[in-house]
Amino acid sequence: MNPAEIQALIEAQLPGCTASVQSPDNIHYEALIVCAAFAGKRPLQRHQMVYAALGARMGGDIHALSIQALTPEEQAGRKG
């Protein structure tokens, strides 16, 4: 899979989220996902939401995925 396909899957399964996915080799991926639905969730719960969005592709088409899962407020704080 390419990063754009993974981005589209995440954004389709997590409405209102924005994702940015990068990969040097289309096997190992890094994703920054910003989503209001992450509010009040622990990091593990956020990652589980992303894994659920990708389903069976995790461990198959997607060998490794590094995830940064932030709320819009957390993302704004990083920029400021």
Protein backbone atom coordinates (compact mmCIF):
# COMPACT_ATOMS: atom_id res chain seq x y z
CA MET A 1 0.00 0.00 0.00
CA ASN A 2 1.11 3.54 -0.50
CA PRO A 3 0.80 6.33 2.08
CA ALA A 4 -2.11 8.00 0.27
CA GLU A 5 -4.18 4.79 0.46
CA ILE A 6 -3.55 4.46 4.19
CA GLN A 7 -4.38 8.12 4.72
CA ALA A 8 -7.67 7.69 2.84
CA LEU A 9 -8.59 4.60 4.89
CA ILE A 10 -7.93 6.35 8.19
CA GLU A 11 -9.86 9.46 7.20
CA ALA A 12 -12.79 7.40 5.89
CA GLN A 13 -13.05 5.27 9.03
CA LEU A 14 -12.45 8.08 11.53
CA PRO A 15 -14.76 10.88 10.33
CA GLY A 16 -13.51 14.37 11.05
CA CYS A 17 -9.91 13.23 11.37
CA THR A 18 -7.02 14.35 9.25
CA ALA A 19 -4.10 12.06 8.61
CA SER A 20 -0.66 12.55 7.18
CA VAL A 21 1.14 9.32 6.28
CA GLN A 22 4.73 8.96 5.08
CA SER A 23 6.84 5.98 4.10
CA PRO A 24 10.34 5.56 2.73
CA ASP A 25 9.60 2.06 1.38
CA ASN A 26 5.81 1.40 1.38
CA ILE A 27 6.34 -1.17 4.15
CA HIS A 28 7.18 1.00 7.16
CA TYR A 29 4.89 3.96 7.73
CA GLU A 30 4.66 7.01 9.98
CA ALA A 31 1.27 8.59 10.57
CA LEU A 32 0.20 11.81 12.25
CA ILE A 33 -3.53 11.67 12.91
CA VAL A 34 -5.41 14.63 14.36
CA CYS A 35 -8.92 13.88 15.56
CA ALA A 36 -11.34 15.41 18.05
CA ALA A 37 -12.57 11.87 18.83
CA PHE A 38 -9.22 11.25 20.59
CA ALA A 39 -10.18 13.68 23.38
CA GLY A 40 -10.27 11.96 26.75
CA LYS A 41 -8.64 8.81 25.37
CA ARG A 42 -5.31 7.37 26.50
CA PRO A 43 -2.61 6.85 23.87
CA LEU A 44 -3.31 3.10 23.73
CA GLN A 45 -7.01 3.72 23.07
CA ARG A 46 -6.14 6.19 20.32
CA HIS A 47 -3.84 3.66 18.66
CA GLN A 48 -6.54 1.00 18.91
CA MET A 49 -8.94 3.31 17.08
CA VAL A 50 -6.42 3.69 14.26
CA TYR A 51 -5.72 -0.06 14.13
CA ALA A 52 -9.47 -0.72 13.94
CA ALA A 53 -9.75 1.71 11.05
CA LEU A 54 -7.08 -0.20 9.14
CA GLY A 55 -8.43 -3.64 10.03
CA ALA A 56 -6.73 -6.72 8.61
CA ARG A 57 -4.25 -4.60 6.68
CA MET A 58 -2.26 -4.22 9.90
CA GLY A 59 0.36 -6.94 9.94
CA GLY A 60 -0.37 -7.71 6.29
CA ASP A 61 -0.11 -4.88 3.79
CA ILE A 62 1.12 -2.61 6.57
CA HIS A 63 4.14 -4.18 8.22
CA ALA A 64 4.93 -1.38 10.66
CA LEU A 65 3.09 1.81 11.54
CA SER A 66 4.36 4.51 13.87
CA ILE A 67 1.42 6.58 15.11
CA GLN A 68 1.16 10.05 16.56
CA ALA A 69 -2.50 10.47 17.53
CA LEU A 70 -3.40 13.97 18.71
CA THR A 71 -6.47 16.05 19.38
CA PRO A 72 -6.73 19.33 17.47
CA GLU A 73 -5.86 21.19 20.69
CA GLU A 74 -2.73 19.08 21.22
CA GLN A 75 -1.69 19.70 17.62
CA ALA A 76 -2.23 23.47 18.02
CA GLY A 77 -0.10 23.41 21.19
CA ARG A 78 2.77 21.78 19.32
CA LYS A 79 2.77 24.54 16.72
CA GLY A 80 2.68 27.36 19.25
